[in-house]
Amino acid sequence: MFKDIRPHAPVHLLIVPREHIRSLNNLGEKDRDTIFRMIVTAKEMAEKQSIAESGYRLVFNVERGGGQVIFHLHLHLLGGW
């Protein structure tokens, strides 16, 4: 987990798995635990950043047409408005 270098919200964190997965399109059955851990980590980070109660957004950008510019799966956590 780290901060986005071009934040689109007061809190904009990236949750990145260690395993290389190019995008959501490349997920397989073996990746179920990875996705679950990413979402749970995002929830925990929202709590630590004190935005869980007010609300937050989770975003996966998929492929170039969907806004993905780094081709290693990552989840955006945005909030704090």
C-alpha atoms as a PDB file:
ATOM      1  CA  MET A   1       0.000   0.000   0.000  1.00  0.00           C
ATOM      2  CA  PHE A   2       1.252   3.487  -0.831  1.00  0.00           C
ATOM      3  CA  LYS A   3      -0.011   6.957  -1.732  1.00  0.00           C
ATOM      4  CA  ASP A   4      -0.886   7.763  -5.338  1.00  0.00           C
ATOM      5  CA  ILE A   5       1.567  10.291  -6.830  1.00  0.00           C
ATOM      6  CA  ARG A   6      -1.315  12.115  -8.559  1.00  0.00           C
ATOM      7  CA  PRO A   7      -4.112  11.964  -5.981  1.00  0.00           C
ATOM      8  CA  HIS A   8      -7.722  12.458  -7.049  1.00  0.00           C
ATOM      9  CA  ALA A   9      -9.004  12.691  -3.471  1.00  0.00           C
ATOM     10  CA  PRO A  10      -7.721  13.868  -0.081  1.00  0.00           C
ATOM     11  CA  VAL A  11      -6.998  10.185   0.631  1.00  0.00           C
ATOM     12  CA  HIS A  12      -5.823   8.261  -2.445  1.00  0.00           C
ATOM     13  CA  LEU A  13      -3.989   5.037  -1.691  1.00  0.00           C
ATOM     14  CA  LEU A  14      -2.987   2.137  -3.931  1.00  0.00           C
ATOM     15  CA  ILE A  15      -3.238  -1.453  -2.751  1.00  0.00           C
ATOM     16  CA  VAL A  16      -0.857  -3.597  -4.797  1.00  0.00           C
ATOM     17  CA  PRO A  17      -0.437  -7.381  -4.550  1.00  0.00           C
ATOM     18  CA  ARG A  18       3.040  -8.903  -4.546  1.00  0.00           C
ATOM     19  CA  GLU A  19       2.007 -11.417  -7.207  1.00  0.00           C
ATOM     20  CA  HIS A  20       2.201 -10.063 -10.738  1.00  0.00           C
ATOM     21  CA  ILE A  21      -1.232  -9.986 -12.337  1.00  0.00           C
ATOM     22  CA  ARG A  22      -1.439  -7.721 -15.393  1.00  0.00           C
ATOM     23  CA  SER A  23      -5.082  -6.618 -14.922  1.00  0.00           C
ATOM     24  CA  LEU A  24      -8.472  -7.900 -13.808  1.00  0.00           C
ATOM     25  CA  ASN A  25      -8.765  -9.525 -17.233  1.00  0.00           C
ATOM     26  CA  ASN A  26      -5.914 -11.836 -16.283  1.00  0.00           C
ATOM     27  CA  LEU A  27      -7.435 -13.123 -13.037  1.00  0.00           C
ATOM     28  CA  GLY A  28      -7.809 -16.830 -12.567  1.00  0.00           C
ATOM     29  CA  GLU A  29      -9.317 -19.103  -9.970  1.00  0.00           C
ATOM     30  CA  LYS A  30      -5.957 -19.153  -8.176  1.00  0.00           C
ATOM     31  CA  ASP A  31      -6.213 -15.378  -7.573  1.00  0.00           C
ATOM     32  CA  ARG A  32      -9.336 -15.443  -5.375  1.00  0.00           C
ATOM     33  CA  ASP A  33      -7.343 -14.986  -2.159  1.00  0.00           C
ATOM     34  CA  THR A  34      -5.309 -12.146  -3.660  1.00  0.00           C
ATOM     35  CA  ILE A  35      -8.413 -10.128  -4.534  1.00  0.00           C
ATOM     36  CA  PHE A  36      -9.987 -10.828  -1.155  1.00  0.00           C
ATOM     37  CA  ARG A  37      -6.818  -9.666   0.647  1.00  0.00           C
ATOM     38  CA  MET A  38      -6.710  -6.493  -1.458  1.00  0.00           C
ATOM     39  CA  ILE A  39     -10.285  -5.579  -0.556  1.00  0.00           C
ATOM     40  CA  VAL A  40      -9.813  -6.363   3.139  1.00  0.00           C
ATOM     41  CA  THR A  41      -6.613  -4.293   3.133  1.00  0.00           C
ATOM     42  CA  ALA A  42      -8.507  -1.387   1.546  1.00  0.00           C
ATOM     43  CA  LYS A  43     -11.178  -1.630   4.265  1.00  0.00           C
ATOM     44  CA  GLU A  44      -8.501  -1.628   6.976  1.00  0.00           C
ATOM     45  CA  MET A  45      -6.718   1.350   5.377  1.00  0.00           C
ATOM     46  CA  ALA A  46     -10.022   3.261   5.201  1.00  0.00           C
ATOM     47  CA  GLU A  47     -10.444   2.674   8.930  1.00  0.00           C
ATOM     48  CA  LYS A  48      -6.865   3.817   9.667  1.00  0.00           C
ATOM     49  CA  GLN A  49      -7.355   6.927   7.520  1.00  0.00           C
ATOM     50  CA  SER A  50     -10.629   7.705   9.390  1.00  0.00           C
ATOM     51  CA  ILE A  51     -12.748   7.623   6.217  1.00  0.00           C
ATOM     52  CA  ALA A  52     -14.605   4.339   6.777  1.00  0.00           C
ATOM     53  CA  GLU A  53     -17.643   5.961   8.388  1.00  0.00           C
ATOM     54  CA  SER A  54     -17.944   8.877   5.958  1.00  0.00           C
ATOM     55  CA  GLY A  55     -17.458   6.603   2.941  1.00  0.00           C
ATOM     56  CA  TYR A  56     -14.880   5.822   0.288  1.00  0.00           C
ATOM     57  CA  ARG A  57     -14.534   4.479  -3.237  1.00  0.00           C
ATOM     58  CA  LEU A  58     -12.636   1.405  -4.470  1.00  0.00           C
ATOM     59  CA  VAL A  59     -11.587   1.417  -8.138  1.00  0.00           C
ATOM     60  CA  PHE A  60      -9.906  -1.082 -10.438  1.00  0.00           C
ATOM     61  CA  ASN A  61      -8.955   0.457 -13.808  1.00  0.00           C
ATOM     62  CA  VAL A  62      -8.915  -2.297 -16.435  1.00  0.00           C
ATOM     63  CA  GLU A  63      -6.748  -2.019 -19.538  1.00  0.00           C
ATOM     64  CA  ARG A  64      -5.837   1.167 -21.390  1.00  0.00           C
ATOM     65  CA  GLY A  65      -9.428   1.983 -22.383  1.00  0.00           C
ATOM     66  CA  GLY A  66     -10.467   1.770 -18.728  1.00  0.00           C
ATOM     67  CA  GLY A  67      -7.730   4.109 -17.561  1.00  0.00           C
ATOM     68  CA  GLN A  68      -5.105   1.558 -16.527  1.00  0.00           C
ATOM     69  CA  VAL A  69      -1.615   2.979 -17.106  1.00  0.00           C
ATOM     70  CA  ILE A  70       0.422   0.674 -14.841  1.00  0.00           C
ATOM     71  CA  PHE A  71       0.029  -2.899 -15.999  1.00  0.00           C
ATOM     72  CA  HIS A  72       0.272  -4.575 -12.612  1.00  0.00           C
ATOM     73  CA  LEU A  73      -3.054  -5.079 -10.841  1.00  0.00           C
ATOM     74  CA  HIS A  74      -3.759  -2.433  -8.188  1.00  0.00           C
ATOM     75  CA  LEU A  75      -6.773  -1.130  -6.320  1.00  0.00           C
ATOM     76  CA  HIS A  76      -7.400   2.579  -5.728  1.00  0.00           C
ATOM     77  CA  LEU A  77      -8.832   3.649  -2.362  1.00  0.00           C
ATOM     78  CA  LEU A  78     -10.268   7.172  -2.569  1.00  0.00           C
ATOM     79  CA  GLY A  79     -12.043   9.189   0.099  1.00  0.00           C
ATOM     80  CA  GLY A  80     -11.844  12.015   2.564  1.00  0.00           C
ATOM     81  CA  TRP A  81     -14.109  14.467   0.751  1.00  0.00           C
END
